[in-house]
Amino acid sequence: MKEIRMVDLATQYDRIKVEVDAAIAEVLTSTKFIKGPQVKSFEDNLAKYLGAKHVIGCANGTDALQIAMMALGYQPGDEVITASFTYVATAEVIALLKLKPVLVEVNPETFTIDPAAIEAAITPNTKAIVPVHLFGQCADMEPIMKIAAKHNLHVIEDTAQAIGADYFFADGAKSKAGTIGTIGTTSFFPSKNLGCYGDGGALFTNDDTLAKKIRMIANHGQSVQYVHDEIGVNSRLDTLQAAILDVKLKYLDEYAQSRRKVADYYDKAFAGLENVTTPVRAKNSTHVFHQYTLKLNGLNREEIRKKLEEKGIPTMVYYPIPLHEQKAYKDERYKEGAFPITESLCESVLSLPIHTEFGEEELKYVADNFISVVNNSGK
């Protein structure tokens, strides 16, 4: 049996090795390592896949969020609302730009930002909402967009964990995650559903003027070399990574289907475990399962993790500490207990291995051992 991994990038690479190696060799031969033609090719192909008018590559997903907020012209003290249950990067860029992160509660079933909590947190200083499409499915975008329109707010979608997921509106319309708000952002970190072999990120928008500004900001604030109309940053998707991503983009839907098969297997295997809650699949979003994150109810998570590790099964906790309890984001507004759902999730969630290369033997091994460990927990 193969080694169990949270993400099996080695086997995934082996399957597409010929295409990837050829794409890399083409870049090496051309020596166009910065702004080579593969960057535009990938941007165009991703825009077509998403149904977005513009895709602009950048150096990483965190930069994508920062560039989005810079392009929208926020000023120090402006408030940006986001979820309390997310990776730090979402709030990090808000604070870095001297804006004010406003954290709100999440839905207890999908773990994504609660639209009702957003509306309650809006003040005259609020400028934007940053919904996080968490673990592979979309936040509830229809009410979020209605709230944004009502209060004249921008919506910046953090799509790092859900690229390729579809959101369904009440009227039957469908949009890809990241293409619904003012700007969508994503990361191409290697473990993402669409990951490169280093760092990378991108922004999506349907606004021509905004797209032009984003490109300028990501390139030192210039649209013409040595002419700087904006204060910008140096954040580029390099040509090698774009070439790799262009190959992998062709397999993105196949990868999502492979992940769903793993999730389906887990769901069925764990159906009889009364003290385990498997991931809820929202009716208005497909799930591309960047993570398979379940809840352990009344169980000792660290004991379970340790016993699984002894059996060669890795696990992860996304996320062990809520943003409002992180030292860097302590705020008098948020005392312990301010976000009971988030705090409960941080104490109870556990992510099991899920990736595109799971064999039946490995999958059965993980599921059987998880069931055994859970059933014998505390004994």
Protein backbone atom coordinates (compact mmCIF):
# COMPACT_ATOMS: atom_id res chain seq x y z
CA MET A 1 0.00 0.00 0.00
CA LYS A 2 1.22 3.50 -0.81
CA GLU A 3 2.07 6.01 1.89
CA ILE A 4 -1.04 7.94 2.96
CA ARG A 5 -0.67 11.66 2.29
CA MET A 6 -2.94 14.63 2.86
CA VAL A 7 -2.22 15.58 -0.77
CA ASP A 8 -0.42 13.29 -3.22
CA LEU A 9 1.25 15.73 -5.60
CA ALA A 10 3.92 13.21 -6.62
CA THR A 11 1.48 10.73 -8.15
CA GLN A 12 -0.55 13.55 -9.68
CA TYR A 13 2.61 14.85 -11.35
CA ASP A 14 3.49 11.39 -12.65
CA ARG A 15 0.15 11.26 -14.51
CA ILE A 16 0.74 14.54 -16.32
CA LYS A 17 4.54 14.46 -16.33
CA VAL A 18 4.96 14.42 -20.12
CA GLU A 19 2.76 17.49 -20.61
CA VAL A 20 4.21 19.40 -17.67
CA ASP A 21 7.81 18.64 -18.57
CA ALA A 22 7.20 19.76 -22.16
CA ALA A 23 5.61 23.00 -20.95
CA ILE A 24 8.54 23.69 -18.62
CA ALA A 25 11.08 22.85 -21.33
CA GLU A 26 9.40 25.31 -23.68
CA VAL A 27 9.82 28.10 -21.13
CA LEU A 28 13.43 27.14 -20.40
CA THR A 29 14.25 27.12 -24.10
CA SER A 30 12.64 30.51 -24.66
CA THR A 31 14.20 32.00 -21.48
CA LYS A 32 11.13 34.25 -21.19
CA PHE A 33 10.83 33.67 -17.45
CA ILE A 34 8.94 36.89 -16.71
CA LYS A 35 5.81 37.85 -18.69
CA GLY A 36 6.33 35.08 -21.21
CA PRO A 37 3.48 34.18 -23.58
CA GLN A 38 2.39 31.31 -21.31
CA VAL A 39 1.19 33.83 -18.74
CA LYS A 40 -1.30 35.39 -21.13
CA SER A 41 -2.29 31.96 -22.44
CA PHE A 42 -3.11 30.76 -18.95
CA GLU A 43 -4.93 33.96 -18.02
CA ASP A 44 -7.04 33.73 -21.17
CA ASN A 45 -7.82 30.04 -20.66
CA LEU A 46 -8.73 30.51 -17.01
CA ALA A 47 -10.96 33.48 -17.91
CA LYS A 48 -12.75 31.30 -20.46
CA TYR A 49 -13.16 28.46 -17.94
CA LEU A 50 -14.53 30.78 -15.26
CA GLY A 51 -16.66 32.91 -17.56
CA ALA A 52 -14.81 35.99 -16.34
CA LYS A 53 -13.86 38.87 -18.61
CA HIS A 54 -10.43 39.39 -17.06
CA VAL A 55 -7.94 37.21 -15.16
CA ILE A 56 -4.76 38.85 -13.89
CA GLY A 57 -2.01 36.65 -12.52
CA CYS A 58 0.03 37.63 -9.48
CA ALA A 59 2.62 36.14 -7.13
CA ASN A 60 0.32 34.48 -4.58
CA GLY A 61 -3.18 34.47 -3.14
CA THR A 62 -2.36 36.88 -0.33
CA ASP A 63 -1.07 39.41 -2.84
CA ALA A 64 -4.28 38.94 -4.81
CA LEU A 65 -6.36 40.05 -1.83
CA GLN A 66 -4.03 43.00 -1.15
CA ILE A 67 -4.02 44.15 -4.77
CA ALA A 68 -7.82 43.93 -4.89
CA MET A 69 -8.15 46.25 -1.89
CA MET A 70 -5.53 48.63 -3.26
CA ALA A 71 -7.32 48.78 -6.60
CA LEU A 72 -10.61 49.62 -4.90
CA GLY A 73 -9.01 52.62 -3.22
CA TYR A 74 -9.68 51.98 0.46
CA GLN A 75 -8.21 54.37 3.00
CA PRO A 76 -6.85 53.74 6.51
CA GLY A 77 -9.71 53.20 8.93
CA ASP A 78 -12.13 51.87 6.32
CA GLU A 79 -13.84 48.70 7.52
CA VAL A 80 -13.83 45.37 5.71
CA ILE A 81 -16.07 42.55 6.91
CA THR A 82 -14.89 38.93 6.75
CA ALA A 83 -15.40 35.62 8.50
CA SER A 84 -13.98 34.80 11.90
CA PHE A 85 -13.33 31.21 10.75
CA THR A 86 -10.72 31.46 8.00
CA TYR A 87 -7.00 31.41 7.34
CA VAL A 88 -5.16 34.47 8.59
CA ALA A 89 -4.34 35.82 5.10
CA THR A 90 -7.92 37.00 4.65
CA ALA A 91 -7.64 39.42 7.58
CA GLU A 92 -3.90 39.95 7.29
CA VAL A 93 -4.07 42.10 4.17
CA ILE A 94 -6.87 44.21 5.65
CA ALA A 95 -4.71 45.04 8.66
CA LEU A 96 -1.57 45.46 6.55
CA LEU A 97 -3.26 48.22 4.54
CA LYS A 98 -4.27 49.95 7.79
CA LEU A 99 -7.91 49.05 7.20
CA LYS A 100 -10.07 47.71 9.99
CA PRO A 101 -10.92 43.98 9.91
CA VAL A 102 -14.48 43.41 11.11
CA LEU A 103 -14.96 39.75 11.96
CA VAL A 104 -18.34 38.06 11.94
CA GLU A 105 -19.79 34.64 12.65
CA VAL A 106 -20.16 31.73 10.25
CA ASN A 107 -22.91 29.28 9.36
CA PRO A 108 -22.67 26.26 11.70
CA GLU A 109 -23.33 23.79 8.87
CA THR A 110 -21.31 25.08 5.91
CA PHE A 111 -18.72 27.03 7.99
CA THR A 112 -18.97 29.94 5.51
CA ILE A 113 -19.76 33.54 6.44
CA ASP A 114 -23.28 34.18 7.76
CA PRO A 115 -25.09 36.84 5.67
CA ALA A 116 -27.21 37.92 8.65
CA ALA A 117 -24.05 38.54 10.66
CA ILE A 118 -22.67 40.64 7.83
CA GLU A 119 -25.68 42.95 7.78
CA ALA A 120 -25.55 43.39 11.55
CA ALA A 121 -21.88 44.45 11.37
CA ILE A 122 -22.24 47.18 8.73
CA THR A 123 -21.42 50.73 9.80
CA PRO A 124 -20.97 54.01 7.88
CA ASN A 125 -17.26 53.09 7.59
CA THR A 126 -17.85 49.72 5.94
CA LYS A 127 -16.47 49.50 2.41
CA ALA A 128 -16.35 45.82 1.54
CA ILE A 129 -17.29 42.24 2.32
CA VAL A 130 -14.79 39.40 1.87
CA PRO A 131 -16.69 36.10 1.77
CA VAL A 132 -14.43 33.05 1.97
CA HIS A 133 -15.43 30.05 -0.15
CA LEU A 134 -14.29 27.55 2.44
CA PHE A 135 -13.03 23.97 2.06
CA GLY A 136 -14.40 23.70 -1.49
CA GLN A 137 -17.86 25.23 -1.61
CA CYS A 138 -19.23 28.71 -2.07
CA ALA A 139 -20.38 31.11 0.60
CA ASP A 140 -24.06 32.03 0.24
CA MET A 141 -23.47 34.69 -2.39
CA GLU A 142 -27.01 35.68 -3.38
CA PRO A 143 -27.96 37.30 -0.04
CA ILE A 144 -24.42 38.66 0.29
CA MET A 145 -24.73 40.43 -3.06
CA LYS A 146 -28.13 41.84 -2.07
CA ILE A 147 -26.65 43.20 1.17
CA ALA A 148 -23.73 44.70 -0.77
CA ALA A 149 -26.07 46.39 -3.26
CA LYS A 150 -28.27 47.73 -0.47
CA HIS A 151 -25.30 49.34 1.32
CA ASN A 152 -23.18 50.17 -1.76
CA LEU A 153 -20.35 47.83 -0.77
CA HIS A 154 -17.75 45.97 -2.79
CA VAL A 155 -17.53 42.18 -2.59
CA ILE A 156 -14.09 40.56 -2.81
CA GLU A 157 -14.38 36.80 -3.08
CA ASP A 158 -11.63 34.71 -1.50
CA THR A 159 -11.73 31.68 -3.82
CA ALA A 160 -8.43 30.07 -2.82
CA GLN A 161 -10.15 26.87 -1.65
CA ALA A 162 -13.01 26.59 -4.13
CA ILE A 163 -11.83 27.35 -7.64
CA GLY A 164 -14.09 25.51 -10.06
CA ALA A 165 -17.08 25.36 -7.72
CA ASP A 166 -20.46 26.50 -9.10
CA TYR A 167 -22.93 28.72 -7.27
CA PHE A 168 -26.64 28.50 -8.13
CA PHE A 169 -28.98 31.47 -7.77
CA ALA A 170 -32.67 31.17 -6.94
CA ASP A 171 -33.64 31.95 -10.55
CA GLY A 172 -31.54 29.05 -11.85
CA ALA A 173 -28.56 31.13 -12.97
CA LYS A 174 -25.12 29.65 -12.32
CA SER A 175 -21.74 31.30 -11.78
CA LYS A 176 -18.28 30.07 -10.94
CA ALA A 177 -16.86 30.91 -7.53
CA GLY A 178 -14.89 34.15 -7.78
CA THR A 179 -16.91 35.65 -10.64
CA ILE A 180 -19.92 36.94 -8.70
CA GLY A 181 -18.54 39.85 -6.68
CA THR A 182 -16.57 42.95 -7.63
CA ILE A 183 -13.28 41.03 -7.67
CA GLY A 184 -12.44 37.37 -7.18
CA THR A 185 -9.08 36.22 -5.85
CA THR A 186 -7.37 32.85 -5.70
CA SER A 187 -4.16 31.10 -4.74
CA PHE A 188 -2.25 28.52 -6.77
CA PHE A 189 -0.34 27.17 -3.76
CA PRO A 190 0.73 23.61 -4.66
CA SER A 191 -1.88 21.86 -2.49
CA LYS A 192 -4.81 23.82 -3.94
CA ASN A 193 -7.22 22.16 -6.35
CA LEU A 194 -5.50 24.13 -9.12
CA GLY A 195 -1.97 24.35 -7.77
CA CYS A 196 1.35 25.22 -9.34
CA TYR A 197 4.83 24.03 -8.33
CA GLY A 198 5.65 27.08 -6.25
CA ASP A 199 3.68 30.20 -5.42
CA GLY A 200 1.10 31.88 -7.60
CA GLY A 201 -2.22 33.68 -7.50
CA ALA A 202 -4.74 35.56 -9.60
CA LEU A 203 -7.57 38.09 -9.58
CA PHE A 204 -10.78 37.95 -11.64
CA THR A 205 -13.10 40.78 -12.63
CA ASN A 206 -15.61 41.74 -15.31
CA ASP A 207 -14.85 45.46 -14.95
CA ASP A 208 -12.52 46.75 -17.69
CA THR A 209 -11.38 49.82 -15.76
CA LEU A 210 -10.75 47.82 -12.62
CA ALA A 211 -8.83 45.16 -14.54
CA LYS A 212 -6.52 47.80 -15.99
CA LYS A 213 -5.88 49.25 -12.55
CA ILE A 214 -5.20 45.80 -11.07
CA ARG A 215 -2.63 45.07 -13.77
CA MET A 216 -0.92 48.38 -13.10
CA ILE A 217 -0.79 47.88 -9.33
CA ALA A 218 0.60 44.35 -9.69
CA ASN A 219 3.36 45.76 -11.93
CA HIS A 220 4.78 48.60 -9.83
CA GLY A 221 1.85 50.86 -10.71
CA GLN A 222 2.86 51.16 -14.36
CA SER A 223 1.04 50.49 -17.60
CA VAL A 224 3.95 51.84 -19.65
CA GLN A 225 7.48 51.02 -18.57
CA TYR A 226 8.95 53.66 -16.25
CA VAL A 227 5.68 55.61 -16.14
CA HIS A 228 4.06 55.07 -12.72
CA ASP A 229 0.50 56.33 -12.34
CA GLU A 230 -0.36 54.26 -9.26
CA ILE A 231 1.47 53.18 -6.13
CA GLY A 232 1.95 49.52 -6.87
CA VAL A 233 3.70 46.34 -5.83
CA ASN A 234 5.86 43.75 -7.57
CA SER A 235 3.61 40.73 -7.83
CA ARG A 236 3.83 38.60 -10.95
CA LEU A 237 2.83 35.09 -11.89
CA ASP A 238 6.06 33.82 -13.40
CA THR A 239 6.08 32.09 -16.74
CA LEU A 240 7.10 28.65 -15.48
CA GLN A 241 4.20 28.52 -13.04
CA ALA A 242 1.75 29.79 -15.67
CA ALA A 243 2.89 27.06 -18.08
CA ILE A 244 2.34 24.39 -15.42
CA LEU A 245 -1.07 25.82 -14.48
CA ASP A 246 -2.15 25.90 -18.12
CA VAL A 247 -1.58 22.15 -18.27
CA LYS A 248 -3.32 21.46 -14.96
CA LEU A 249 -6.32 23.67 -15.79
CA LYS A 250 -7.39 21.09 -18.40
CA TYR A 251 -7.76 18.55 -15.57
CA LEU A 252 -9.44 20.77 -12.98
CA ASP A 253 -12.94 19.36 -13.37
CA GLU A 254 -11.56 15.81 -13.42
CA TYR A 255 -9.66 16.57 -10.22
CA ALA A 256 -12.84 17.87 -8.58
CA GLN A 257 -14.69 14.71 -9.54
CA SER A 258 -11.91 12.56 -8.07
CA ARG A 259 -12.12 14.49 -4.82
CA ARG A 260 -15.91 14.10 -4.73
CA LYS A 261 -15.53 10.34 -5.08
CA VAL A 262 -13.30 10.29 -2.00
CA ALA A 263 -15.79 12.46 -0.12
CA ASP A 264 -18.68 10.20 -1.19
CA TYR A 265 -16.79 7.17 0.11
CA TYR A 266 -16.11 8.85 3.44
CA ASP A 267 -19.71 10.05 3.75
CA LYS A 268 -21.07 6.56 3.24
CA ALA A 269 -18.49 4.92 5.51
CA PHE A 270 -19.05 7.37 8.37
CA ALA A 271 -22.85 7.53 8.14
CA GLY A 272 -23.27 5.35 11.24
CA LEU A 273 -20.96 7.36 13.49
CA GLU A 274 -23.26 9.29 15.82
CA ASN A 275 -20.48 11.48 17.20
CA VAL A 276 -19.12 12.54 13.80
CA THR A 277 -20.72 15.14 11.50
CA THR A 278 -19.67 14.77 7.88
CA PRO A 279 -19.40 17.86 5.64
CA VAL A 280 -22.70 19.49 4.70
CA ARG A 281 -23.10 20.07 0.97
CA ALA A 282 -25.01 23.28 0.39
CA LYS A 283 -27.91 23.08 -2.07
CA ASN A 284 -26.82 26.27 -3.82
CA SER A 285 -23.19 25.29 -4.41
CA THR A 286 -21.22 22.39 -5.79
CA HIS A 287 -18.42 21.15 -3.55
CA VAL A 288 -14.93 20.62 -4.98
CA PHE A 289 -13.56 19.33 -1.64
CA HIS A 290 -10.32 21.18 -1.20
CA GLN A 291 -10.57 19.66 2.28
CA TYR A 292 -12.74 16.94 3.77
CA THR A 293 -13.48 18.56 7.10
CA LEU A 294 -15.78 16.87 9.59
CA LYS A 295 -16.79 17.67 13.15
CA LEU A 296 -16.00 15.48 16.14
CA ASN A 297 -18.79 15.82 18.67
CA GLY A 298 -17.71 15.23 22.26
CA LEU A 299 -14.57 13.34 21.20
CA ASN A 300 -10.94 13.97 22.13
CA ARG A 301 -9.54 15.30 18.86
CA GLU A 302 -5.88 15.09 19.83
CA GLU A 303 -6.26 11.51 21.00
CA ILE A 304 -7.88 10.59 17.69
CA ARG A 305 -5.18 12.42 15.70
CA LYS A 306 -2.43 10.66 17.65
CA LYS A 307 -3.93 7.20 17.13
CA LEU A 308 -4.39 7.84 13.41
CA GLU A 309 -0.83 9.11 13.12
CA GLU A 310 0.39 5.88 14.72
CA LYS A 311 -1.34 4.06 11.89
CA GLY A 312 0.34 6.23 9.26
CA ILE A 313 -2.72 8.42 8.62
CA PRO A 314 -2.05 12.18 8.63
CA THR A 315 -4.73 14.68 9.64
CA MET A 316 -4.94 18.45 9.83
CA VAL A 317 -6.92 21.00 11.82
CA TYR A 318 -8.20 23.96 9.80
CA TYR A 319 -8.24 26.06 12.00
CA PRO A 320 -7.20 25.51 15.63
CA ILE A 321 -7.36 29.16 16.77
CA PRO A 322 -10.06 31.65 15.74
CA LEU A 323 -8.86 34.90 14.17
CA HIS A 324 -10.27 36.95 17.03
CA GLU A 325 -8.16 34.97 19.52
CA GLN A 326 -4.90 35.36 17.58
CA LYS A 327 -2.47 37.72 19.32
CA ALA A 328 -1.99 39.82 16.18
CA TYR A 329 -5.76 40.40 15.83
CA LYS A 330 -6.83 40.86 19.43
CA ASP A 331 -9.51 43.52 19.62
CA GLU A 332 -11.55 44.86 22.52
CA ARG A 333 -14.68 44.27 20.46
CA TYR A 334 -14.15 40.53 20.47
CA LYS A 335 -13.99 38.81 23.84
CA GLU A 336 -13.74 35.06 24.28
CA GLY A 337 -17.19 33.71 23.47
CA ALA A 338 -17.89 36.48 20.93
CA PHE A 339 -18.18 33.89 18.15
CA PRO A 340 -19.42 30.66 19.72
CA ILE A 341 -19.87 28.83 16.42
CA THR A 342 -16.36 29.67 15.26
CA GLU A 343 -14.88 28.79 18.63
CA SER A 344 -16.73 25.47 18.67
CA LEU A 345 -15.52 24.65 15.16
CA CYS A 346 -11.92 25.41 16.08
CA GLU A 347 -12.23 22.89 18.91
CA SER A 348 -13.99 20.15 16.92
CA VAL A 349 -13.07 20.15 13.22
CA LEU A 350 -10.72 17.59 11.71
CA SER A 351 -9.61 17.20 8.10
CA LEU A 352 -8.84 13.77 6.66
CA PRO A 353 -6.65 13.07 3.63
CA ILE A 354 -8.35 13.88 0.33
CA HIS A 355 -6.76 14.24 -3.08
CA THR A 356 -6.98 13.23 -6.70
CA GLU A 357 -4.85 10.08 -6.52
CA PHE A 358 -6.49 7.95 -3.82
CA GLY A 359 -6.56 4.22 -4.57
CA GLU A 360 -9.32 2.00 -3.22
CA GLU A 361 -6.96 0.23 -0.83
CA GLU A 362 -5.66 3.44 0.71
CA LEU A 363 -9.12 4.94 0.97
CA LYS A 364 -10.52 1.87 2.73
CA TYR A 365 -7.54 1.86 5.08
CA VAL A 366 -8.16 5.46 6.13
CA ALA A 367 -11.92 5.02 6.55
CA ASP A 368 -11.71 1.71 8.44
CA ASN A 369 -9.08 2.99 10.83
CA PHE A 370 -10.91 6.26 11.43
CA ILE A 371 -14.08 4.35 12.31
CA SER A 372 -12.14 2.04 14.63
CA VAL A 373 -10.34 4.90 16.38
CA VAL A 374 -13.58 6.89 16.83
CA ASN A 375 -15.46 3.86 18.18
CA ASN A 376 -12.70 3.13 20.65
CA SER A 377 -12.06 6.75 21.66
CA GLY A 378 -11.65 7.13 25.41
CA LYS A 379 -11.30 3.40 25.98
